[in-house]
Amino acid sequence: MARNFRPVLSALALAFVLLYSSSAVRASAKESKDEAAAEFADNVLEVADLIHREYVVEISNGELVEEAIRGLSWRVGWELPEDMDDSVTGIRGMKDKDLRSLLIEVRKKI
């Protein structure tokens, strides 16, 4: 039964990250693109950690980050380049440091 809530939870997490990150980036117009991308990555990982700790079913941070990246690219109408799509598909077992680097790379390209 808990698995039926996975799409809802992913959507809520993504919505939070997108809203929080976009408003934070708009609020700090002087921020460099690198700083904005790093802040975005940190926000995504913070939400992923929260869900990982509190959700009933075990969900990896990699799985949550994959959904966040795909949701972000869909939301802004940006198609992931093939090489990046391959990277995103294989992130489920990545460590947070590597997830953060990938999130920064994606955010800079959008």
PDB file of N, CA and C in Angstrom:
ATOM      1  N   MET A   1       0.819  -1.198   0.000  1.00  0.00           N
ATOM      2  CA  MET A   1       0.000   0.000   0.000  1.00  0.00           C
ATOM      3  C   MET A   1       0.859   1.256   0.000  1.00  0.00           C
ATOM      4  N   ALA A   2       1.932   1.274   0.764  1.00  0.00           N
ATOM      5  CA  ALA A   2       2.777   2.461   0.853  1.00  0.00           C
ATOM      6  C   ALA A   2       3.384   2.822  -0.494  1.00  0.00           C
ATOM      7  N   ARG A   3       3.657   1.838  -1.314  1.00  0.00           N
ATOM      8  CA  ARG A   3       4.259   2.112  -2.617  1.00  0.00           C
ATOM      9  C   ARG A   3       3.343   2.947  -3.512  1.00  0.00           C
ATOM     10  N   ASN A   4       2.041   2.887  -3.288  1.00  0.00           N
ATOM     11  CA  ASN A   4       1.116   3.683  -4.085  1.00  0.00           C
ATOM     12  C   ASN A   4       1.313   5.179  -3.873  1.00  0.00           C
ATOM     13  N   PHE A   5       1.937   5.555  -2.774  1.00  0.00           N
ATOM     14  CA  PHE A   5       2.165   6.965  -2.482  1.00  0.00           C
ATOM     15  C   PHE A   5       3.483   7.479  -3.059  1.00  0.00           C
ATOM     16  N   ARG A   6       4.302   6.597  -3.612  1.00  0.00           N
ATOM     17  CA  ARG A   6       5.610   7.000  -4.131  1.00  0.00           C
ATOM     18  C   ARG A   6       5.507   8.118  -5.167  1.00  0.00           C
ATOM     19  N   PRO A   7       4.644   8.014  -6.198  1.00  0.00           N
ATOM     20  CA  PRO A   7       4.566   9.115  -7.167  1.00  0.00           C
ATOM     21  C   PRO A   7       4.132  10.433  -6.531  1.00  0.00           C
ATOM     22  N   VAL A   8       3.218  10.364  -5.591  1.00  0.00           N
ATOM     23  CA  VAL A   8       2.748  11.577  -4.918  1.00  0.00           C
ATOM     24  C   VAL A   8       3.881  12.208  -4.125  1.00  0.00           C
ATOM     25  N   LEU A   9       4.603  11.391  -3.399  1.00  0.00           N
ATOM     26  CA  LEU A   9       5.714  11.888  -2.598  1.00  0.00           C
ATOM     27  C   LEU A   9       6.796  12.491  -3.484  1.00  0.00           C
ATOM     28  N   SER A  10       7.106  11.818  -4.580  1.00  0.00           N
ATOM     29  CA  SER A  10       8.107  12.351  -5.510  1.00  0.00           C
ATOM     30  C   SER A  10       7.661  13.690  -6.077  1.00  0.00           C
ATOM     31  N   ALA A  11       6.394  13.778  -6.428  1.00  0.00           N
ATOM     32  CA  ALA A  11       5.875  15.030  -6.986  1.00  0.00           C
ATOM     33  C   ALA A  11       5.920  16.154  -5.958  1.00  0.00           C
ATOM     34  N   LEU A  12       5.557  15.855  -4.717  1.00  0.00           N
ATOM     35  CA  LEU A  12       5.607  16.878  -3.669  1.00  0.00           C
ATOM     36  C   LEU A  12       7.032  17.340  -3.407  1.00  0.00           C
ATOM     37  N   ALA A  13       7.946  16.399  -3.354  1.00  0.00           N
ATOM     38  CA  ALA A  13       9.346  16.762  -3.128  1.00  0.00           C
ATOM     39  C   ALA A  13       9.862  17.621  -4.265  1.00  0.00           C
ATOM     40  N   LEU A  14       9.554  17.226  -5.477  1.00  0.00           N
ATOM     41  CA  LEU A  14      10.006  17.986  -6.634  1.00  0.00           C
ATOM     42  C   LEU A  14       9.399  19.381  -6.635  1.00  0.00           C
ATOM     43  N   ALA A  15       8.118  19.476  -6.323  1.00  0.00           N
ATOM     44  CA  ALA A  15       7.469  20.788  -6.288  1.00  0.00           C
ATOM     45  C   ALA A  15       8.137  21.694  -5.266  1.00  0.00           C
ATOM     46  N   PHE A  16       8.420  21.154  -4.092  1.00  0.00           N
ATOM     47  CA  PHE A  16       9.091  21.935  -3.058  1.00  0.00           C
ATOM     48  C   PHE A  16      10.447  22.427  -3.549  1.00  0.00           C
ATOM     49  N   VAL A  17      11.216  21.526  -4.116  1.00  0.00           N
ATOM     50  CA  VAL A  17      12.557  21.883  -4.578  1.00  0.00           C
ATOM     51  C   VAL A  17      12.488  22.934  -5.674  1.00  0.00           C
ATOM     52  N   LEU A  18      11.604  22.738  -6.636  1.00  0.00           N
ATOM     53  CA  LEU A  18      11.500  23.697  -7.738  1.00  0.00           C
ATOM     54  C   LEU A  18      11.064  25.069  -7.244  1.00  0.00           C
ATOM     55  N   LEU A  19      10.054  25.109  -6.409  1.00  0.00           N
ATOM     56  CA  LEU A  19       9.573  26.394  -5.904  1.00  0.00           C
ATOM     57  C   LEU A  19      10.610  27.078  -5.031  1.00  0.00           C
ATOM     58  N   TYR A  20      11.197  26.336  -4.121  1.00  0.00           N
ATOM     59  CA  TYR A  20      12.179  26.910  -3.213  1.00  0.00           C
ATOM     60  C   TYR A  20      13.412  27.386  -3.972  1.00  0.00           C
ATOM     61  N   SER A  21      13.904  26.564  -4.875  1.00  0.00           N
ATOM     62  CA  SER A  21      15.124  26.914  -5.599  1.00  0.00           C
ATOM     63  C   SER A  21      14.909  28.093  -6.526  1.00  0.00           C
ATOM     64  N   SER A  22      13.794  28.100  -7.249  1.00  0.00           N
ATOM     65  CA  SER A  22      13.583  29.202  -8.187  1.00  0.00           C
ATOM     66  C   SER A  22      13.375  30.517  -7.454  1.00  0.00           C
ATOM     67  N   SER A  23      12.683  30.500  -6.320  1.00  0.00           N
ATOM     68  CA  SER A  23      12.489  31.747  -5.581  1.00  0.00           C
ATOM     69  C   SER A  23      13.796  32.209  -4.954  1.00  0.00           C
ATOM     70  N   ALA A  24      14.612  31.280  -4.490  1.00  0.00           N
ATOM     71  CA  ALA A  24      15.902  31.649  -3.904  1.00  0.00           C
ATOM     72  C   ALA A  24      16.820  32.243  -4.960  1.00  0.00           C
ATOM     73  N   VAL A  25      16.785  31.685  -6.159  1.00  0.00           N
ATOM     74  CA  VAL A  25      17.634  32.205  -7.235  1.00  0.00           C
ATOM     75  C   VAL A  25      17.155  33.588  -7.652  1.00  0.00           C
ATOM     76  N   ARG A  26      15.844  33.778  -7.756  1.00  0.00           N
ATOM     77  CA  ARG A  26      15.316  35.096  -8.114  1.00  0.00           C
ATOM     78  C   ARG A  26      15.632  36.127  -7.045  1.00  0.00           C
ATOM     79  N   ALA A  27      15.586  35.722  -5.785  1.00  0.00           N
ATOM     80  CA  ALA A  27      15.812  36.653  -4.681  1.00  0.00           C
ATOM     81  C   ALA A  27      17.251  37.129  -4.623  1.00  0.00           C
ATOM     82  N   SER A  28      18.154  36.362  -5.155  1.00  0.00           N
ATOM     83  CA  SER A  28      19.564  36.745  -5.093  1.00  0.00           C
ATOM     84  C   SER A  28      20.116  36.893  -6.506  1.00  0.00           C
ATOM     85  N   ALA A  29      19.671  37.939  -7.178  1.00  0.00           N
ATOM     86  CA  ALA A  29      20.035  38.155  -8.573  1.00  0.00           C
ATOM     87  C   ALA A  29      21.534  38.324  -8.768  1.00  0.00           C
ATOM     88  N   LYS A  30      22.258  38.738  -7.735  1.00  0.00           N
ATOM     89  CA  LYS A  30      23.695  38.942  -7.860  1.00  0.00           C
ATOM     90  C   LYS A  30      24.474  37.632  -7.777  1.00  0.00           C
ATOM     91  N   GLU A  31      23.790  36.598  -7.383  1.00  0.00           N
ATOM     92  CA  GLU A  31      24.435  35.302  -7.236  1.00  0.00           C
ATOM     93  C   GLU A  31      24.928  34.801  -8.595  1.00  0.00           C
ATOM     94  N   SER A  32      26.075  34.191  -8.610  1.00  0.00           N
ATOM     95  CA  SER A  32      26.584  33.644  -9.863  1.00  0.00           C
ATOM     96  C   SER A  32      25.812  32.380 -10.219  1.00  0.00           C
ATOM     97  N   LYS A  33      25.923  31.984 -11.472  1.00  0.00           N
ATOM     98  CA  LYS A  33      25.252  30.768 -11.922  1.00  0.00           C
ATOM     99  C   LYS A  33      25.781  29.553 -11.166  1.00  0.00           C
ATOM    100  N   ASP A  34      27.071  29.545 -10.856  1.00  0.00           N
ATOM    101  CA  ASP A  34      27.661  28.437 -10.096  1.00  0.00           C
ATOM    102  C   ASP A  34      27.065  28.359  -8.698  1.00  0.00           C
ATOM    103  N   GLU A  35      26.934  29.506  -8.038  1.00  0.00           N
ATOM    104  CA  GLU A  35      26.370  29.532  -6.688  1.00  0.00           C
ATOM    105  C   GLU A  35      24.905  29.109  -6.701  1.00  0.00           C
ATOM    106  N   ALA A  36      24.159  29.566  -7.711  1.00  0.00           N
ATOM    107  CA  ALA A  36      22.750  29.192  -7.817  1.00  0.00           C
ATOM    108  C   ALA A  36      22.609  27.693  -8.053  1.00  0.00           C
ATOM    109  N   ALA A  37      23.470  27.137  -8.895  1.00  0.00           N
ATOM    110  CA  ALA A  37      23.428  25.697  -9.165  1.00  0.00           C
ATOM    111  C   ALA A  37      23.790  24.898  -7.920  1.00  0.00           C
ATOM    112  N   ALA A  38      24.761  25.373  -7.160  1.00  0.00           N
ATOM    113  CA  ALA A  38      25.156  24.689  -5.921  1.00  0.00           C
ATOM    114  C   ALA A  38      24.029  24.752  -4.895  1.00  0.00           C
ATOM    115  N   GLU A  39      23.364  25.894  -4.802  1.00  0.00           N
ATOM    116  CA  GLU A  39      22.240  26.029  -3.874  1.00  0.00           C
ATOM    117  C   GLU A  39      21.106  25.087  -4.274  1.00  0.00           C
ATOM    118  N   PHE A  40      20.842  25.006  -5.571  1.00  0.00           N
ATOM    119  CA  PHE A  40      19.821  24.086  -6.067  1.00  0.00           C
ATOM    120  C   PHE A  40      20.162  22.649  -5.682  1.00  0.00           C
ATOM    121  N   ALA A  41      21.402  22.245  -5.912  1.00  0.00           N
ATOM    122  CA  ALA A  41      21.832  20.879  -5.585  1.00  0.00           C
ATOM    123  C   ALA A  41      21.673  20.602  -4.097  1.00  0.00           C
ATOM    124  N   ASP A  42      22.070  21.548  -3.279  1.00  0.00           N
ATOM    125  CA  ASP A  42      21.944  21.375  -1.825  1.00  0.00           C
ATOM    126  C   ASP A  42      20.480  21.241  -1.403  1.00  0.00           C
ATOM    127  N   ASN A  43      19.598  22.018  -2.024  1.00  0.00           N
ATOM    128  CA  ASN A  43      18.170  21.940  -1.702  1.00  0.00           C
ATOM    129  C   ASN A  43      17.583  20.585  -2.083  1.00  0.00           C
ATOM    130  N   VAL A  44      17.937  20.100  -3.263  1.00  0.00           N
ATOM    131  CA  VAL A  44      17.438  18.795  -3.700  1.00  0.00           C
ATOM    132  C   VAL A  44      17.901  17.707  -2.741  1.00  0.00           C
ATOM    133  N   LEU A  45      19.178  17.732  -2.380  1.00  0.00           N
ATOM    134  CA  LEU A  45      19.710  16.707  -1.480  1.00  0.00           C
ATOM    135  C   LEU A  45      19.110  16.810  -0.080  1.00  0.00           C
ATOM    136  N   GLU A  46      18.817  18.017   0.365  1.00  0.00           N
ATOM    137  CA  GLU A  46      18.186  18.191   1.678  1.00  0.00           C
ATOM    138  C   GLU A  46      16.797  17.546   1.701  1.00  0.00           C
ATOM    139  N   VAL A  47      16.021  17.777   0.644  1.00  0.00           N
ATOM    140  CA  VAL A  47      14.696  17.172   0.557  1.00  0.00           C
ATOM    141  C   VAL A  47      14.814  15.655   0.420  1.00  0.00           C
ATOM    142  N   ALA A  48      15.757  15.192  -0.389  1.00  0.00           N
ATOM    143  CA  ALA A  48      15.957  13.746  -0.555  1.00  0.00           C
ATOM    144  C   ALA A  48      16.310  13.093   0.775  1.00  0.00           C
ATOM    145  N   ASP A  49      17.178  13.722   1.548  1.00  0.00           N
ATOM    146  CA  ASP A  49      17.540  13.180   2.867  1.00  0.00           C
ATOM    147  C   ASP A  49      16.326  13.110   3.790  1.00  0.00           C
ATOM    148  N   LEU A  50      15.525  14.150   3.786  1.00  0.00           N
ATOM    149  CA  LEU A  50      14.330  14.175   4.628  1.00  0.00           C
ATOM    150  C   LEU A  50      13.383  13.032   4.254  1.00  0.00           C
ATOM    151  N   ILE A  51      13.136  12.874   2.974  1.00  0.00           N
ATOM    152  CA  ILE A  51      12.244  11.807   2.521  1.00  0.00           C
ATOM    153  C   ILE A  51      12.849  10.445   2.840  1.00  0.00           C
ATOM    154  N   HIS A  52      14.137  10.309   2.605  1.00  0.00           N
ATOM    155  CA  HIS A  52      14.829   9.041   2.880  1.00  0.00           C
ATOM    156  C   HIS A  52      14.672   8.645   4.350  1.00  0.00           C
ATOM    157  N   ARG A  53      14.773   9.607   5.248  1.00  0.00           N
ATOM    158  CA  ARG A  53      14.667   9.335   6.688  1.00  0.00           C
ATOM    159  C   ARG A  53      13.234   9.081   7.139  1.00  0.00           C
ATOM    160  N   GLU A  54      12.278   9.803   6.572  1.00  0.00           N
ATOM    161  CA  GLU A  54      10.917   9.800   7.102  1.00  0.00           C
ATOM    162  C   GLU A  54       9.925   8.914   6.352  1.00  0.00           C
ATOM    163  N   TYR A  55      10.222   8.547   5.133  1.00  0.00           N
ATOM    164  CA  TYR A  55       9.259   7.787   4.338  1.00  0.00           C
ATOM    165  C   TYR A  55       9.223   6.337   4.793  1.00  0.00           C
ATOM    166  N   VAL A  56       8.067   5.718   4.687  1.00  0.00           N
ATOM    167  CA  VAL A  56       7.855   4.357   5.168  1.00  0.00           C
ATOM    168  C   VAL A  56       8.653   3.339   4.355  1.00  0.00           C
ATOM    169  N   VAL A  57       8.698   3.517   3.063  1.00  0.00           N
ATOM    170  CA  VAL A  57       9.387   2.599   2.163  1.00  0.00           C
ATOM    171  C   VAL A  57      10.788   3.135   1.887  1.00  0.00           C
ATOM    172  N   GLU A  58      11.762   2.255   1.839  1.00  0.00           N
ATOM    173  CA  GLU A  58      13.146   2.653   1.566  1.00  0.00           C
ATOM    174  C   GLU A  58      13.263   3.209   0.146  1.00  0.00           C
ATOM    175  N   ILE A  59      13.687   4.450   0.040  1.00  0.00           N
ATOM    176  CA  ILE A  59      13.917   5.098  -1.253  1.00  0.00           C
ATOM    177  C   ILE A  59      15.308   5.705  -1.192  1.00  0.00           C
ATOM    178  N   SER A  60      16.122   5.414  -2.181  1.00  0.00           N
ATOM    179  CA  SER A  60      17.486   5.951  -2.170  1.00  0.00           C
ATOM    180  C   SER A  60      17.481   7.417  -2.586  1.00  0.00           C
ATOM    181  N   ASN A  61      18.485   8.147  -2.123  1.00  0.00           N
ATOM    182  CA  ASN A  61      18.634   9.539  -2.551  1.00  0.00           C
ATOM    183  C   ASN A  61      18.813   9.604  -4.061  1.00  0.00           C
ATOM    184  N   GLY A  62      19.513   8.630  -4.619  1.00  0.00           N
ATOM    185  CA  GLY A  62      19.711   8.596  -6.065  1.00  0.00           C
ATOM    186  C   GLY A  62      18.401   8.517  -6.822  1.00  0.00           C
ATOM    187  N   GLU A  63      17.487   7.699  -6.329  1.00  0.00           N
ATOM    188  CA  GLU A  63      16.178   7.564  -6.962  1.00  0.00           C
ATOM    189  C   GLU A  63      15.410   8.885  -6.897  1.00  0.00           C
ATOM    190  N   LEU A  64      15.458   9.539  -5.760  1.00  0.00           N
ATOM    191  CA  LEU A  64      14.773  10.826  -5.607  1.00  0.00           C
ATOM    192  C   LEU A  64      15.411  11.908  -6.475  1.00  0.00           C
ATOM    193  N   VAL A  65      16.730  11.913  -6.537  1.00  0.00           N
ATOM    194  CA  VAL A  65      17.430  12.909  -7.354  1.00  0.00           C
ATOM    195  C   VAL A  65      17.146  12.671  -8.835  1.00  0.00           C
ATOM    196  N   GLU A  66      17.091  11.410  -9.239  1.00  0.00           N
ATOM    197  CA  GLU A  66      16.754  11.112 -10.634  1.00  0.00           C
ATOM    198  C   GLU A  66      15.389  11.704 -10.985  1.00  0.00           C
ATOM    199  N   GLU A  67      14.409  11.510 -10.113  1.00  0.00           N
ATOM    200  CA  GLU A  67      13.075  12.071 -10.351  1.00  0.00           C
ATOM    201  C   GLU A  67      13.105  13.598 -10.354  1.00  0.00           C
ATOM    202  N   ALA A  68      13.897  14.188  -9.490  1.00  0.00           N
ATOM    203  CA  ALA A  68      14.003  15.650  -9.442  1.00  0.00           C
ATOM    204  C   ALA A  68      14.591  16.194 -10.742  1.00  0.00           C
ATOM    205  N   ILE A  69      15.628  15.539 -11.251  1.00  0.00           N
ATOM    206  CA  ILE A  69      16.256  15.989 -12.500  1.00  0.00           C
ATOM    207  C   ILE A  69      15.291  15.837 -13.665  1.00  0.00           C
ATOM    208  N   ARG A  70      14.653  14.689 -13.754  1.00  0.00           N
ATOM    209  CA  ARG A  70      13.712  14.472 -14.861  1.00  0.00           C
ATOM    210  C   ARG A  70      12.519  15.436 -14.758  1.00  0.00           C
ATOM    211  N   GLY A  71      12.043  15.670 -13.542  1.00  0.00           N
ATOM    212  CA  GLY A  71      10.935  16.603 -13.355  1.00  0.00           C
ATOM    213  C   GLY A  71      11.316  18.032 -13.694  1.00  0.00           C
ATOM    214  N   LEU A  72      12.510  18.431 -13.301  1.00  0.00           N
ATOM    215  CA  LEU A  72      12.985  19.779 -13.615  1.00  0.00           C
ATOM    216  C   LEU A  72      13.113  19.958 -15.119  1.00  0.00           C
ATOM    217  N   SER A  73      13.724  18.989 -15.797  1.00  0.00           N
ATOM    218  CA  SER A  73      13.910  19.120 -17.242  1.00  0.00           C
ATOM    219  C   SER A  73      12.560  19.149 -17.958  1.00  0.00           C
ATOM    220  N   TRP A  74      11.615  18.339 -17.487  1.00  0.00           N
ATOM    221  CA  TRP A  74      10.275  18.349 -18.074  1.00  0.00           C
ATOM    222  C   TRP A  74       9.597  19.695 -17.834  1.00  0.00           C
ATOM    223  N   ARG A  75       9.720  20.201 -16.615  1.00  0.00           N
ATOM    224  CA  ARG A  75       9.041  21.445 -16.228  1.00  0.00           C
ATOM    225  C   ARG A  75       9.502  22.638 -17.055  1.00  0.00           C
ATOM    226  N   VAL A  76      10.780  22.697 -17.355  1.00  0.00           N
ATOM    227  CA  VAL A  76      11.299  23.840 -18.111  1.00  0.00           C
ATOM    228  C   VAL A  76      11.356  23.562 -19.612  1.00  0.00           C
ATOM    229  N   GLY A  77      10.905  22.368 -20.027  1.00  0.00           N
ATOM    230  CA  GLY A  77      10.883  22.040 -21.450  1.00  0.00           C
ATOM    231  C   GLY A  77      12.254  21.804 -22.042  1.00  0.00           C
ATOM    232  N   TRP A  78      13.140  21.261 -21.242  1.00  0.00           N
ATOM    233  CA  TRP A  78      14.516  21.016 -21.670  1.00  0.00           C
ATOM    234  C   TRP A  78      14.747  19.521 -21.741  1.00  0.00           C
ATOM    235  N   GLU A  79      15.184  19.040 -22.901  1.00  0.00           N
ATOM    236  CA  GLU A  79      15.445  17.613 -23.051  1.00  0.00           C
ATOM    237  C   GLU A  79      16.875  17.312 -22.627  1.00  0.00           C
ATOM    238  N   LEU A  80      17.010  16.329 -21.757  1.00  0.00           N
ATOM    239  CA  LEU A  80      18.348  15.939 -21.308  1.00  0.00           C
ATOM    240  C   LEU A  80      19.157  15.447 -22.498  1.00  0.00           C
ATOM    241  N   PRO A  81      20.385  15.944 -22.673  1.00  0.00           N
ATOM    242  CA  PRO A  81      21.241  15.397 -23.719  1.00  0.00           C
ATOM    243  C   PRO A  81      21.460  13.904 -23.464  1.00  0.00           C
ATOM    244  N   GLU A  82      21.706  13.149 -24.527  1.00  0.00           N
ATOM    245  CA  GLU A  82      21.813  11.692 -24.407  1.00  0.00           C
ATOM    246  C   GLU A  82      22.864  11.260 -23.390  1.00  0.00           C
ATOM    247  N   ASP A  83      24.039  11.911 -23.409  1.00  0.00           N
ATOM    248  CA  ASP A  83      25.091  11.516 -22.464  1.00  0.00           C
ATOM    249  C   ASP A  83      24.671  11.803 -21.019  1.00  0.00           C
ATOM    250  N   MET A  84      23.955  12.896 -20.810  1.00  0.00           N
ATOM    251  CA  MET A  84      23.499  13.227 -19.464  1.00  0.00           C
ATOM    252  C   MET A  84      22.349  12.308 -19.054  1.00  0.00           C
ATOM    253  N   ASP A  85      21.499  11.941 -20.007  1.00  0.00           N
ATOM    254  CA  ASP A  85      20.404  11.023 -19.708  1.00  0.00           C
ATOM    255  C   ASP A  85      20.956   9.683 -19.224  1.00  0.00           C
ATOM    256  N   ASP A  86      22.036   9.224 -19.841  1.00  0.00           N
ATOM    257  CA  ASP A  86      22.684   7.984 -19.400  1.00  0.00           C
ATOM    258  C   ASP A  86      23.213   8.131 -17.979  1.00  0.00           C
ATOM    259  N   SER A  87      23.790   9.293 -17.662  1.00  0.00           N
ATOM    260  CA  SER A  87      24.299   9.542 -16.309  1.00  0.00           C
ATOM    261  C   SER A  87      23.167   9.541 -15.294  1.00  0.00           C
ATOM    262  N   VAL A  88      22.058  10.166 -15.646  1.00  0.00           N
ATOM    263  CA  VAL A  88      20.920  10.259 -14.736  1.00  0.00           C
ATOM    264  C   VAL A  88      20.314   8.878 -14.496  1.00  0.00           C
ATOM    265  N   THR A  89      20.260   8.060 -15.538  1.00  0.00           N
ATOM    266  CA  THR A  89      19.691   6.722 -15.400  1.00  0.00           C
ATOM    267  C   THR A  89      20.505   5.864 -14.442  1.00  0.00           C
ATOM    268  N   GLY A  90      21.797   6.097 -14.358  1.00  0.00           N
ATOM    269  CA  GLY A  90      22.645   5.268 -13.512  1.00  0.00           C
ATOM    270  C   GLY A  90      22.966   5.839 -12.149  1.00  0.00           C
ATOM    271  N   ILE A  91      22.163   6.774 -11.636  1.00  0.00           N
ATOM    272  CA  ILE A  91      22.557   7.449 -10.393  1.00  0.00           C
ATOM    273  C   ILE A  91      22.025   6.817  -9.120  1.00  0.00           C
ATOM    274  N   ARG A  92      21.222   5.814  -9.219  1.00  0.00           N
ATOM    275  CA  ARG A  92      20.555   5.278  -8.021  1.00  0.00           C
ATOM    276  C   ARG A  92      21.517   4.825  -6.935  1.00  0.00           C
ATOM    277  N   GLY A  93      22.711   4.425  -7.275  1.00  0.00           N
ATOM    278  CA  GLY A  93      23.655   3.980  -6.253  1.00  0.00           C
ATOM    279  C   GLY A  93      24.742   4.996  -5.925  1.00  0.00           C
ATOM    280  N   MET A  94      24.637   6.204  -6.494  1.00  0.00           N
ATOM    281  CA  MET A  94      25.679   7.217  -6.274  1.00  0.00           C
ATOM    282  C   MET A  94      25.682   7.742  -4.844  1.00  0.00           C
ATOM    283  N   LYS A  95      26.841   8.184  -4.418  1.00  0.00           N
ATOM    284  CA  LYS A  95      26.985   8.854  -3.120  1.00  0.00           C
ATOM    285  C   LYS A  95      26.506  10.302  -3.264  1.00  0.00           C
ATOM    286  N   ASP A  96      26.160  10.916  -2.134  1.00  0.00           N
ATOM    287  CA  ASP A  96      25.634  12.286  -2.159  1.00  0.00           C
ATOM    288  C   ASP A  96      26.581  13.274  -2.830  1.00  0.00           C
ATOM    289  N   LYS A  97      27.875  13.105  -2.647  1.00  0.00           N
ATOM    290  CA  LYS A  97      28.851  14.014  -3.262  1.00  0.00           C
ATOM    291  C   LYS A  97      28.725  13.968  -4.787  1.00  0.00           C
ATOM    292  N   ASP A  98      28.584  12.760  -5.342  1.00  0.00           N
ATOM    293  CA  ASP A  98      28.446  12.609  -6.789  1.00  0.00           C
ATOM    294  C   ASP A  98      27.079  13.097  -7.268  1.00  0.00           C
ATOM    295  N   LEU A  99      26.054  12.857  -6.468  1.00  0.00           N
ATOM    296  CA  LEU A  99      24.721  13.362  -6.806  1.00  0.00           C
ATOM    297  C   LEU A  99      24.733  14.888  -6.866  1.00  0.00           C
ATOM    298  N   ARG A 100      25.401  15.502  -5.915  1.00  0.00           N
ATOM    299  CA  ARG A 100      25.487  16.963  -5.870  1.00  0.00           C
ATOM    300  C   ARG A 100      26.176  17.494  -7.126  1.00  0.00           C
ATOM    301  N   SER A 101      27.272  16.853  -7.523  1.00  0.00           N
ATOM    302  CA  SER A 101      27.996  17.279  -8.731  1.00  0.00           C
ATOM    303  C   SER A 101      27.110  17.172  -9.967  1.00  0.00           C
ATOM    304  N   LEU A 102      26.368  16.081 -10.075  1.00  0.00           N
ATOM    305  CA  LEU A 102      25.477  15.906 -11.219  1.00  0.00           C
ATOM    306  C   LEU A 102      24.360  16.946 -11.206  1.00  0.00           C
ATOM    307  N   LEU A 103      23.783  17.208 -10.046  1.00  0.00           N
ATOM    308  CA  LEU A 103      22.739  18.231  -9.938  1.00  0.00           C
ATOM    309  C   LEU A 103      23.258  19.608 -10.340  1.00  0.00           C
ATOM    310  N   ILE A 104      24.457  19.931  -9.920  1.00  0.00           N
ATOM    311  CA  ILE A 104      25.057  21.219 -10.294  1.00  0.00           C
ATOM    312  C   ILE A 104      25.234  21.291 -11.803  1.00  0.00           C
ATOM    313  N   GLU A 105      25.725  20.212 -12.395  1.00  0.00           N
ATOM    314  CA  GLU A 105      25.930  20.172 -13.848  1.00  0.00           C
ATOM    315  C   GLU A 105      24.604  20.365 -14.588  1.00  0.00           C
ATOM    316  N   VAL A 106      23.571  19.671 -14.153  1.00  0.00           N
ATOM    317  CA  VAL A 106      22.257  19.790 -14.796  1.00  0.00           C
ATOM    318  C   VAL A 106      21.720  21.206 -14.649  1.00  0.00           C
ATOM    319  N   ARG A 107      21.785  21.749 -13.449  1.00  0.00           N
ATOM    320  CA  ARG A 107      21.227  23.089 -13.191  1.00  0.00           C
ATOM    321  C   ARG A 107      21.943  24.164 -14.002  1.00  0.00           C
ATOM    322  N   LYS A 108      23.241  24.020 -14.187  1.00  0.00           N
ATOM    323  CA  LYS A 108      23.992  25.004 -14.982  1.00  0.00           C
ATOM    324  C   LYS A 108      23.577  24.973 -16.448  1.00  0.00           C
ATOM    325  N   LYS A 109      23.206  23.798 -16.943  1.00  0.00           N
ATOM    326  CA  LYS A 109      22.872  23.662 -18.365  1.00  0.00           C
ATOM    327  C   LYS A 109      21.456  24.112 -18.691  1.00  0.00           C
ATOM    328  N   ILE A 110      20.632  24.248 -17.663  1.00  0.00           N
ATOM    329  CA  ILE A 110      19.236  24.639 -17.933  1.00  0.00           C
ATOM    330  C   ILE A 110      19.137  26.151 -18.002  1.00  0.00           C
TER     331      ILE A 110
END
